[in-house]
Amino acid sequence: MPLLLLNVGEHAVIKRIGGKPEVKQHLSDLGFIVGASILVVSKLGDNLIVNIKNSRIALDRGMAKSIFI
């Protein structure tokens, strides 16, 4: 299930990262790796603010649809 389907306040564990190699590398550099716990802090349309590894990161729809939980 893509990250976009989580509601505000829900926790999940990342199961897979999709997309082009450069997108995967960028997400990995930000801490989005398989097995990491993620919390949706805020949602505005398809844009998300998530908490991962004690950091808050904003994701647009393109990035968020590459993360599967």
PDB file of N, CA and C in Angstrom:
ATOM      1  N   MET A   1       0.854  -1.165   0.000  1.00  0.00           N
ATOM      2  CA  MET A   1       0.000   0.000   0.000  1.00  0.00           C
ATOM      3  C   MET A   1       0.907   1.238   0.000  1.00  0.00           C
ATOM      4  N   PRO A   2       0.621   2.235  -0.841  1.00  0.00           N
ATOM      5  CA  PRO A   2       1.459   3.440  -0.872  1.00  0.00           C
ATOM      6  C   PRO A   2       1.275   4.309   0.369  1.00  0.00           C
ATOM      7  N   LEU A   3       2.300   5.041   0.694  1.00  0.00           N
ATOM      8  CA  LEU A   3       2.291   5.925   1.853  1.00  0.00           C
ATOM      9  C   LEU A   3       1.148   6.935   1.804  1.00  0.00           C
ATOM     10  N   LEU A   4       0.739   7.333   0.609  1.00  0.00           N
ATOM     11  CA  LEU A   4      -0.333   8.322   0.451  1.00  0.00           C
ATOM     12  C   LEU A   4      -1.641   7.900   1.128  1.00  0.00           C
ATOM     13  N   LEU A   5      -1.837   6.601   1.331  1.00  0.00           N
ATOM     14  CA  LEU A   5      -3.093   6.114   1.893  1.00  0.00           C
ATOM     15  C   LEU A   5      -3.155   6.181   3.419  1.00  0.00           C
ATOM     16  N   LEU A   6      -2.034   6.501   4.066  1.00  0.00           N
ATOM     17  CA  LEU A   6      -2.045   6.633   5.527  1.00  0.00           C
ATOM     18  C   LEU A   6      -2.728   7.931   5.923  1.00  0.00           C
ATOM     19  N   ASN A   7      -3.405   7.909   7.052  1.00  0.00           N
ATOM     20  CA  ASN A   7      -4.044   9.102   7.604  1.00  0.00           C
ATOM     21  C   ASN A   7      -3.110   9.769   8.611  1.00  0.00           C
ATOM     22  N   VAL A   8      -3.400  11.002   8.937  1.00  0.00           N
ATOM     23  CA  VAL A   8      -2.609  11.738   9.919  1.00  0.00           C
ATOM     24  C   VAL A   8      -2.632  10.987  11.253  1.00  0.00           C
ATOM     25  N   GLY A   9      -1.457  10.835  11.849  1.00  0.00           N
ATOM     26  CA  GLY A   9      -1.340  10.157  13.139  1.00  0.00           C
ATOM     27  C   GLY A   9      -1.068   8.665  13.040  1.00  0.00           C
ATOM     28  N   GLU A  10      -1.116   8.109  11.853  1.00  0.00           N
ATOM     29  CA  GLU A  10      -0.889   6.669  11.696  1.00  0.00           C
ATOM     30  C   GLU A  10       0.594   6.356  11.508  1.00  0.00           C
ATOM     31  N   HIS A  11       1.009   5.271  12.145  1.00  0.00           N
ATOM     32  CA  HIS A  11       2.373   4.761  12.027  1.00  0.00           C
ATOM     33  C   HIS A  11       2.390   3.618  11.024  1.00  0.00           C
ATOM     34  N   ALA A  12       3.533   3.403  10.399  1.00  0.00           N
ATOM     35  CA  ALA A  12       3.718   2.255   9.508  1.00  0.00           C
ATOM     36  C   ALA A  12       5.208   1.958   9.402  1.00  0.00           C
ATOM     37  N   VAL A  13       5.504   0.812   8.816  1.00  0.00           N
ATOM     38  CA  VAL A  13       6.883   0.418   8.552  1.00  0.00           C
ATOM     39  C   VAL A  13       7.061   0.338   7.043  1.00  0.00           C
ATOM     40  N   ILE A  14       8.145   0.891   6.553  1.00  0.00           N
ATOM     41  CA  ILE A  14       8.412   0.896   5.118  1.00  0.00           C
ATOM     42  C   ILE A  14       8.755  -0.516   4.664  1.00  0.00           C
ATOM     43  N   LYS A  15       8.028  -0.992   3.658  1.00  0.00           N
ATOM     44  CA  LYS A  15       8.231  -2.343   3.116  1.00  0.00           C
ATOM     45  C   LYS A  15       9.038  -2.331   1.819  1.00  0.00           C
ATOM     46  N   ARG A  16       8.869  -1.243   1.026  1.00  0.00           N
ATOM     47  CA  ARG A  16       9.548  -1.201  -0.271  1.00  0.00           C
ATOM     48  C   ARG A  16       9.650   0.247  -0.730  1.00  0.00           C
ATOM     49  N   ILE A  17      10.728   0.546  -1.442  1.00  0.00           N
ATOM     50  CA  ILE A  17      10.912   1.857  -2.065  1.00  0.00           C
ATOM     51  C   ILE A  17      10.975   1.624  -3.568  1.00  0.00           C
ATOM     52  N   GLY A  18      10.109   2.287  -4.312  1.00  0.00           N
ATOM     53  CA  GLY A  18      10.084   2.139  -5.761  1.00  0.00           C
ATOM     54  C   GLY A  18      10.635   3.380  -6.442  1.00  0.00           C
ATOM     55  N   GLY A  19      10.507   3.413  -7.749  1.00  0.00           N
ATOM     56  CA  GLY A  19      10.922   4.582  -8.506  1.00  0.00           C
ATOM     57  C   GLY A  19      12.277   4.427  -9.167  1.00  0.00           C
ATOM     58  N   LYS A  20      12.712   5.501  -9.785  1.00  0.00           N
ATOM     59  CA  LYS A  20      13.992   5.528 -10.477  1.00  0.00           C
ATOM     60  C   LYS A  20      15.138   5.445  -9.468  1.00  0.00           C
ATOM     61  N   PRO A  21      16.297   4.977  -9.902  1.00  0.00           N
ATOM     62  CA  PRO A  21      17.436   4.857  -8.979  1.00  0.00           C
ATOM     63  C   PRO A  21      17.789   6.162  -8.265  1.00  0.00           C
ATOM     64  N   GLU A  22      17.694   7.296  -8.965  1.00  0.00           N
ATOM     65  CA  GLU A  22      18.028   8.566  -8.307  1.00  0.00           C
ATOM     66  C   GLU A  22      17.007   8.941  -7.244  1.00  0.00           C
ATOM     67  N   VAL A  23      15.748   8.576  -7.447  1.00  0.00           N
ATOM     68  CA  VAL A  23      14.707   8.823  -6.431  1.00  0.00           C
ATOM     69  C   VAL A  23      14.961   7.932  -5.224  1.00  0.00           C
ATOM     70  N   LYS A  24      15.258   6.665  -5.466  1.00  0.00           N
ATOM     71  CA  LYS A  24      15.558   5.738  -4.369  1.00  0.00           C
ATOM     72  C   LYS A  24      16.742   6.228  -3.550  1.00  0.00           C
ATOM     73  N   GLN A  25      17.790   6.709  -4.218  1.00  0.00           N
ATOM     74  CA  GLN A  25      18.980   7.185  -3.516  1.00  0.00           C
ATOM     75  C   GLN A  25      18.664   8.424  -2.691  1.00  0.00           C
ATOM     76  N   HIS A  26      17.895   9.340  -3.255  1.00  0.00           N
ATOM     77  CA  HIS A  26      17.521  10.555  -2.524  1.00  0.00           C
ATOM     78  C   HIS A  26      16.719  10.198  -1.273  1.00  0.00           C
ATOM     79  N   LEU A  27      15.743   9.319  -1.422  1.00  0.00           N
ATOM     80  CA  LEU A  27      14.943   8.904  -0.270  1.00  0.00           C
ATOM     81  C   LEU A  27      15.796   8.189   0.773  1.00  0.00           C
ATOM     82  N   SER A  28      16.715   7.357   0.323  1.00  0.00           N
ATOM     83  CA  SER A  28      17.621   6.667   1.238  1.00  0.00           C
ATOM     84  C   SER A  28      18.477   7.665   2.010  1.00  0.00           C
ATOM     85  N   ASP A  29      18.959   8.697   1.328  1.00  0.00           N
ATOM     86  CA  ASP A  29      19.762   9.731   1.987  1.00  0.00           C
ATOM     87  C   ASP A  29      18.967  10.468   3.066  1.00  0.00           C
ATOM     88  N   LEU A  30      17.658  10.560   2.879  1.00  0.00           N
ATOM     89  CA  LEU A  30      16.786  11.219   3.854  1.00  0.00           C
ATOM     90  C   LEU A  30      16.374  10.290   5.000  1.00  0.00           C
ATOM     91  N   GLY A  31      16.701   8.992   4.900  1.00  0.00           N
ATOM     92  CA  GLY A  31      16.367   8.040   5.960  1.00  0.00           C
ATOM     93  C   GLY A  31      15.230   7.104   5.635  1.00  0.00           C
ATOM     94  N   PHE A  32      14.689   7.189   4.435  1.00  0.00           N
ATOM     95  CA  PHE A  32      13.601   6.308   4.022  1.00  0.00           C
ATOM     96  C   PHE A  32      14.197   5.006   3.512  1.00  0.00           C
ATOM     97  N   ILE A  33      14.306   4.031   4.415  1.00  0.00           N
ATOM     98  CA  ILE A  33      14.859   2.727   4.065  1.00  0.00           C
ATOM     99  C   ILE A  33      13.879   1.646   4.514  1.00  0.00           C
ATOM    100  N   VAL A  34      13.984   0.494   3.899  1.00  0.00           N
ATOM    101  CA  VAL A  34      13.113  -0.631   4.252  1.00  0.00           C
ATOM    102  C   VAL A  34      13.311  -0.972   5.725  1.00  0.00           C
ATOM    103  N   GLY A  35      12.205  -1.099   6.441  1.00  0.00           N
ATOM    104  CA  GLY A  35      12.232  -1.422   7.856  1.00  0.00           C
ATOM    105  C   GLY A  35      12.119  -0.213   8.765  1.00  0.00           C
ATOM    106  N   ALA A  36      12.250   0.995   8.218  1.00  0.00           N
ATOM    107  CA  ALA A  36      12.154   2.210   9.035  1.00  0.00           C
ATOM    108  C   ALA A  36      10.695   2.486   9.402  1.00  0.00           C
ATOM    109  N   SER A  37      10.497   2.986  10.606  1.00  0.00           N
ATOM    110  CA  SER A  37       9.166   3.361  11.074  1.00  0.00           C
ATOM    111  C   SER A  37       8.877   4.793  10.642  1.00  0.00           C
ATOM    112  N   ILE A  38       7.638   5.030  10.227  1.00  0.00           N
ATOM    113  CA  ILE A  38       7.249   6.345   9.703  1.00  0.00           C
ATOM    114  C   ILE A  38       5.912   6.750  10.297  1.00  0.00           C
ATOM    115  N   LEU A  39       5.750   8.035  10.575  1.00  0.00           N
ATOM    116  CA  LEU A  39       4.513   8.586  11.135  1.00  0.00           C
ATOM    117  C   LEU A  39       4.082   9.754  10.269  1.00  0.00           C
ATOM    118  N   VAL A  40       2.812   9.778   9.871  1.00  0.00           N
ATOM    119  CA  VAL A  40       2.275  10.901   9.105  1.00  0.00           C
ATOM    120  C   VAL A  40       1.861  11.984  10.100  1.00  0.00           C
ATOM    121  N   VAL A  41       2.522  13.143  10.030  1.00  0.00           N
ATOM    122  CA  VAL A  41       2.277  14.250  10.944  1.00  0.00           C
ATOM    123  C   VAL A  41       1.191  15.177  10.407  1.00  0.00           C
ATOM    124  N   SER A  42       1.233  15.444   9.106  1.00  0.00           N
ATOM    125  CA  SER A  42       0.295  16.374   8.494  1.00  0.00           C
ATOM    126  C   SER A  42       0.069  15.979   7.046  1.00  0.00           C
ATOM    127  N   LYS A  43      -1.100  16.327   6.537  1.00  0.00           N
ATOM    128  CA  LYS A  43      -1.449  15.998   5.160  1.00  0.00           C
ATOM    129  C   LYS A  43      -2.259  17.145   4.574  1.00  0.00           C
ATOM    130  N   LEU A  44      -1.813  17.645   3.426  1.00  0.00           N
ATOM    131  CA  LEU A  44      -2.530  18.703   2.735  1.00  0.00           C
ATOM    132  C   LEU A  44      -2.617  18.295   1.275  1.00  0.00           C
ATOM    133  N   GLY A  45      -3.776  17.816   0.868  1.00  0.00           N
ATOM    134  CA  GLY A  45      -3.907  17.251  -0.473  1.00  0.00           C
ATOM    135  C   GLY A  45      -3.082  15.979  -0.549  1.00  0.00           C
ATOM    136  N   ASP A  46      -2.192  15.912  -1.521  1.00  0.00           N
ATOM    137  CA  ASP A  46      -1.301  14.755  -1.635  1.00  0.00           C
ATOM    138  C   ASP A  46       0.093  15.048  -1.109  1.00  0.00           C
ATOM    139  N   ASN A  47       0.269  16.177  -0.433  1.00  0.00           N
ATOM    140  CA  ASN A  47       1.551  16.507   0.171  1.00  0.00           C
ATOM    141  C   ASN A  47       1.529  16.080   1.629  1.00  0.00           C
ATOM    142  N   LEU A  48       2.633  15.495   2.074  1.00  0.00           N
ATOM    143  CA  LEU A  48       2.708  14.967   3.429  1.00  0.00           C
ATOM    144  C   LEU A  48       3.866  15.562   4.190  1.00  0.00           C
ATOM    145  N   ILE A  49       3.706  15.652   5.494  1.00  0.00           N
ATOM    146  CA  ILE A  49       4.834  15.872   6.390  1.00  0.00           C
ATOM    147  C   ILE A  49       4.893  14.627   7.251  1.00  0.00           C
ATOM    148  N   VAL A  50       6.048  13.978   7.237  1.00  0.00           N
ATOM    149  CA  VAL A  50       6.204  12.727   7.969  1.00  0.00           C
ATOM    150  C   VAL A  50       7.346  12.856   8.972  1.00  0.00           C
ATOM    151  N   ASN A  51       7.268  12.033   9.987  1.00  0.00           N
ATOM    152  CA  ASN A  51       8.331  11.957  10.975  1.00  0.00           C
ATOM    153  C   ASN A  51       9.032  10.625  10.766  1.00  0.00           C
ATOM    154  N   ILE A  52      10.323  10.679  10.482  1.00  0.00           N
ATOM    155  CA  ILE A  52      11.118   9.478  10.309  1.00  0.00           C
ATOM    156  C   ILE A  52      12.476   9.722  10.941  1.00  0.00           C
ATOM    157  N   LYS A  53      12.892   8.807  11.794  1.00  0.00           N
ATOM    158  CA  LYS A  53      14.178   8.915  12.485  1.00  0.00           C
ATOM    159  C   LYS A  53      14.339  10.267  13.171  1.00  0.00           C
ATOM    160  N   ASN A  54      13.305  10.675  13.903  1.00  0.00           N
ATOM    161  CA  ASN A  54      13.289  11.923  14.673  1.00  0.00           C
ATOM    162  C   ASN A  54      13.475  13.173  13.827  1.00  0.00           C
ATOM    163  N   SER A  55      13.130  13.108  12.557  1.00  0.00           N
ATOM    164  CA  SER A  55      13.172  14.270  11.666  1.00  0.00           C
ATOM    165  C   SER A  55      11.833  14.409  10.969  1.00  0.00           C
ATOM    166  N   ARG A  56      11.422  15.633  10.733  1.00  0.00           N
ATOM    167  CA  ARG A  56      10.206  15.895   9.965  1.00  0.00           C
ATOM    168  C   ARG A  56      10.606  16.247   8.543  1.00  0.00           C
ATOM    169  N   ILE A  57       9.990  15.555   7.598  1.00  0.00           N
ATOM    170  CA  ILE A  57      10.330  15.738   6.190  1.00  0.00           C
ATOM    171  C   ILE A  57       9.040  15.906   5.397  1.00  0.00           C
ATOM    172  N   ALA A  58       9.039  16.880   4.495  1.00  0.00           N
ATOM    173  CA  ALA A  58       7.901  17.114   3.605  1.00  0.00           C
ATOM    174  C   ALA A  58       8.103  16.312   2.323  1.00  0.00           C
ATOM    175  N   LEU A  59       7.046  15.650   1.881  1.00  0.00           N
ATOM    176  CA  LEU A  59       7.078  14.856   0.654  1.00  0.00           C
ATOM    177  C   LEU A  59       5.945  15.285  -0.260  1.00  0.00           C
ATOM    178  N   ASP A  60       6.241  15.407  -1.537  1.00  0.00           N
ATOM    179  CA  ASP A  60       5.173  15.668  -2.495  1.00  0.00           C
ATOM    180  C   ASP A  60       4.611  14.332  -2.975  1.00  0.00           C
ATOM    181  N   ARG A  61       3.583  14.401  -3.790  1.00  0.00           N
ATOM    182  CA  ARG A  61       2.906  13.193  -4.270  1.00  0.00           C
ATOM    183  C   ARG A  61       3.867  12.232  -4.975  1.00  0.00           C
ATOM    184  N   GLY A  62       4.760  12.760  -5.797  1.00  0.00           N
ATOM    185  CA  GLY A  62       5.695  11.917  -6.545  1.00  0.00           C
ATOM    186  C   GLY A  62       6.580  11.089  -5.639  1.00  0.00           C
ATOM    187  N   MET A  63       7.104  11.708  -4.599  1.00  0.00           N
ATOM    188  CA  MET A  63       7.964  10.987  -3.666  1.00  0.00           C
ATOM    189  C   MET A  63       7.142  10.012  -2.804  1.00  0.00           C
ATOM    190  N   ALA A  64       6.003  10.485  -2.328  1.00  0.00           N
ATOM    191  CA  ALA A  64       5.188   9.657  -1.444  1.00  0.00           C
ATOM    192  C   ALA A  64       4.661   8.410  -2.127  1.00  0.00           C
ATOM    193  N   LYS A  65       4.383   8.484  -3.438  1.00  0.00           N
ATOM    194  CA  LYS A  65       3.862   7.292  -4.118  1.00  0.00           C
ATOM    195  C   LYS A  65       4.952   6.265  -4.396  1.00  0.00           C
ATOM    196  N   SER A  66       6.209   6.617  -4.164  1.00  0.00           N
ATOM    197  CA  SER A  66       7.320   5.681  -4.329  1.00  0.00           C
ATOM    198  C   SER A  66       7.583   4.863  -3.066  1.00  0.00           C
ATOM    199  N   ILE A  67       6.941   5.241  -1.972  1.00  0.00           N
ATOM    200  CA  ILE A  67       7.172   4.582  -0.679  1.00  0.00           C
ATOM    201  C   ILE A  67       5.983   3.687  -0.381  1.00  0.00           C
ATOM    202  N   PHE A  68       6.262   2.408  -0.165  1.00  0.00           N
ATOM    203  CA  PHE A  68       5.206   1.433   0.112  1.00  0.00           C
ATOM    204  C   PHE A  68       5.350   0.906   1.540  1.00  0.00           C
ATOM    205  N   ILE A  69       4.194   0.791   2.206  1.00  0.00           N
ATOM    206  CA  ILE A  69       4.179   0.368   3.590  1.00  0.00           C
ATOM    207  C   ILE A  69       3.427  -0.949   3.745  1.00  0.00           C
TER     208      ILE A  69
END
